[in-house]
């Protein structure tokens, strides 16, 4: 199993969700790209981090 943390920053606000864009590691392509998260969960956060577990 491999674990990876991916960081995102605020990009755009919609009616019920907020779009975040991935901050890729230097020299690497994005893993996820853009991500929509519901406003009720995000609140006022401008940065989020997602942890991905890759299983065989």
N, C-alpha and C. Protein backbone atom coordinates (compact mmCIF):
# COMPACT_ATOMS: atom_id res chain seq x y z
N UNK A 1 0.84 -1.17 0.00
CA UNK A 1 0.00 0.00 0.00
C UNK A 1 0.88 1.24 0.00
N UNK A 2 0.49 2.23 -0.79
CA UNK A 2 1.23 3.48 -0.90
C UNK A 2 0.30 4.64 -0.53
N UNK A 3 0.81 5.59 0.23
CA UNK A 3 0.00 6.72 0.66
C UNK A 3 0.61 8.02 0.13
N UNK A 4 -0.25 8.93 -0.33
CA UNK A 4 0.21 10.19 -0.91
C UNK A 4 -0.72 11.31 -0.45
N UNK A 5 -0.16 12.42 0.01
CA UNK A 5 -0.94 13.60 0.37
C UNK A 5 -0.86 14.60 -0.77
N UNK A 6 -2.02 15.13 -1.16
CA UNK A 6 -2.11 16.06 -2.27
C UNK A 6 -2.70 17.36 -1.74
N UNK A 7 -2.04 18.48 -2.02
CA UNK A 7 -2.49 19.79 -1.53
C UNK A 7 -3.28 20.53 -2.62
N UNK A 8 -4.29 21.28 -2.17
CA UNK A 8 -5.16 22.04 -3.06
C UNK A 8 -5.32 23.45 -2.53
N UNK A 9 -5.56 24.41 -3.45
CA UNK A 9 -5.84 25.79 -3.06
C UNK A 9 -7.12 26.25 -3.73
N UNK A 10 -7.78 27.23 -3.10
CA UNK A 10 -9.03 27.78 -3.60
C UNK A 10 -8.88 28.25 -5.04
N UNK A 11 -9.87 27.92 -5.87
CA UNK A 11 -9.87 28.37 -7.26
C UNK A 11 -11.14 29.16 -7.59
N UNK A 12 -12.32 28.62 -7.23
CA UNK A 12 -13.58 29.25 -7.63
C UNK A 12 -14.70 28.82 -6.69
N UNK A 13 -15.63 29.73 -6.46
CA UNK A 13 -16.79 29.42 -5.61
C UNK A 13 -18.03 29.31 -6.47
N UNK A 14 -18.82 28.26 -6.25
CA UNK A 14 -20.09 28.05 -6.93
C UNK A 14 -21.21 28.19 -5.91
N UNK A 15 -22.44 27.90 -6.31
CA UNK A 15 -23.58 28.06 -5.41
C UNK A 15 -23.44 27.20 -4.14
N UNK A 16 -23.17 25.92 -4.30
CA UNK A 16 -23.11 25.00 -3.15
C UNK A 16 -21.75 24.35 -2.93
N UNK A 17 -20.79 24.65 -3.79
CA UNK A 17 -19.49 24.00 -3.66
C UNK A 17 -18.35 24.98 -3.98
N UNK A 18 -17.16 24.54 -3.66
CA UNK A 18 -15.96 25.32 -3.94
C UNK A 18 -15.02 24.44 -4.75
N UNK A 19 -14.46 25.01 -5.83
CA UNK A 19 -13.50 24.28 -6.65
C UNK A 19 -12.10 24.61 -6.17
N UNK A 20 -11.32 23.57 -5.96
CA UNK A 20 -9.93 23.71 -5.56
C UNK A 20 -9.05 23.18 -6.68
N UNK A 21 -7.89 23.82 -6.87
CA UNK A 21 -6.94 23.31 -7.86
C UNK A 21 -5.75 22.73 -7.14
N UNK A 22 -5.26 21.65 -7.69
CA UNK A 22 -4.13 20.94 -7.10
C UNK A 22 -2.86 21.76 -7.21
N UNK A 23 -2.03 21.67 -6.19
CA UNK A 23 -0.70 22.26 -6.21
C UNK A 23 0.27 21.10 -6.40
N UNK A 24 0.69 20.83 -7.64
CA UNK A 24 1.55 19.66 -7.88
C UNK A 24 2.96 19.88 -7.33
N UNK A 25 3.61 18.78 -7.02
CA UNK A 25 5.01 18.86 -6.59
C UNK A 25 5.84 19.34 -7.77
N UNK A 26 6.90 20.04 -7.47
CA UNK A 26 7.75 20.61 -8.52
C UNK A 26 8.27 19.52 -9.45
N UNK A 27 8.08 19.72 -10.75
CA UNK A 27 8.55 18.78 -11.76
C UNK A 27 7.63 17.59 -11.99
N UNK A 28 6.49 17.55 -11.31
CA UNK A 28 5.57 16.42 -11.45
C UNK A 28 4.23 16.92 -12.00
N UNK A 29 3.52 16.07 -12.77
CA UNK A 29 2.19 16.45 -13.26
C UNK A 29 1.17 16.31 -12.13
N UNK A 30 0.01 16.97 -12.26
CA UNK A 30 -1.04 16.82 -11.24
C UNK A 30 -1.52 15.37 -11.15
N UNK A 31 -1.92 14.96 -9.96
CA UNK A 31 -2.45 13.61 -9.75
C UNK A 31 -3.97 13.62 -9.92
N UNK A 32 -4.63 14.66 -9.39
CA UNK A 32 -6.09 14.74 -9.42
C UNK A 32 -6.57 15.88 -10.31
N UNK A 33 -5.93 17.03 -10.25
CA UNK A 33 -6.37 18.20 -11.03
C UNK A 33 -7.27 19.07 -10.17
N UNK A 34 -8.49 19.32 -10.63
CA UNK A 34 -9.45 20.12 -9.86
C UNK A 34 -10.36 19.21 -9.05
N UNK A 35 -10.86 19.77 -7.94
CA UNK A 35 -11.68 19.01 -7.02
C UNK A 35 -12.78 19.91 -6.49
N UNK A 36 -14.03 19.43 -6.52
CA UNK A 36 -15.16 20.17 -5.96
C UNK A 36 -15.49 19.61 -4.58
N UNK A 37 -15.63 20.52 -3.60
CA UNK A 37 -15.97 20.12 -2.23
C UNK A 37 -17.15 20.98 -1.78
N UNK A 38 -18.09 20.37 -1.11
CA UNK A 38 -19.29 21.08 -0.65
C UNK A 38 -18.93 22.16 0.38
N UNK A 39 -19.61 23.31 0.25
CA UNK A 39 -19.35 24.45 1.14
C UNK A 39 -19.57 24.11 2.61
N UNK A 40 -20.59 23.29 2.92
CA UNK A 40 -20.89 22.99 4.31
C UNK A 40 -19.71 22.31 5.00
N UNK A 41 -18.87 21.61 4.23
CA UNK A 41 -17.71 20.93 4.81
C UNK A 41 -16.49 21.85 4.85
N UNK A 42 -16.25 22.57 3.77
CA UNK A 42 -15.05 23.40 3.64
C UNK A 42 -15.09 24.63 4.54
N UNK A 43 -16.27 25.25 4.67
CA UNK A 43 -16.36 26.48 5.45
C UNK A 43 -15.57 27.59 4.78
N UNK A 44 -14.70 28.25 5.52
CA UNK A 44 -13.91 29.37 4.99
C UNK A 44 -12.50 28.97 4.58
N UNK A 45 -12.19 27.69 4.58
CA UNK A 45 -10.83 27.23 4.25
C UNK A 45 -10.46 27.57 2.81
N UNK A 46 -9.26 28.05 2.62
CA UNK A 46 -8.74 28.36 1.29
C UNK A 46 -7.75 27.31 0.81
N UNK A 47 -7.34 26.42 1.71
CA UNK A 47 -6.41 25.34 1.37
C UNK A 47 -6.90 24.06 2.03
N UNK A 48 -6.80 22.96 1.29
CA UNK A 48 -7.15 21.65 1.83
C UNK A 48 -6.09 20.64 1.43
N UNK A 49 -6.07 19.52 2.10
CA UNK A 49 -5.13 18.44 1.78
C UNK A 49 -5.89 17.13 1.80
N UNK A 50 -5.70 16.32 0.77
CA UNK A 50 -6.35 15.02 0.62
C UNK A 50 -5.27 13.94 0.67
N UNK A 51 -5.53 12.87 1.42
CA UNK A 51 -4.59 11.74 1.48
C UNK A 51 -5.20 10.58 0.69
N UNK A 52 -4.41 10.02 -0.22
CA UNK A 52 -4.84 8.92 -1.07
C UNK A 52 -4.06 7.67 -0.69
N UNK A 53 -4.78 6.57 -0.49
CA UNK A 53 -4.13 5.28 -0.23
C UNK A 53 -4.29 4.43 -1.47
N UNK A 54 -3.18 4.03 -2.05
CA UNK A 54 -3.19 3.17 -3.24
C UNK A 54 -2.98 1.74 -2.79
N UNK A 55 -3.93 0.86 -3.10
CA UNK A 55 -3.84 -0.53 -2.69
C UNK A 55 -3.65 -1.43 -3.91
N UNK A 56 -2.94 -2.51 -3.71
CA UNK A 56 -2.68 -3.43 -4.82
C UNK A 56 -3.87 -4.28 -5.12
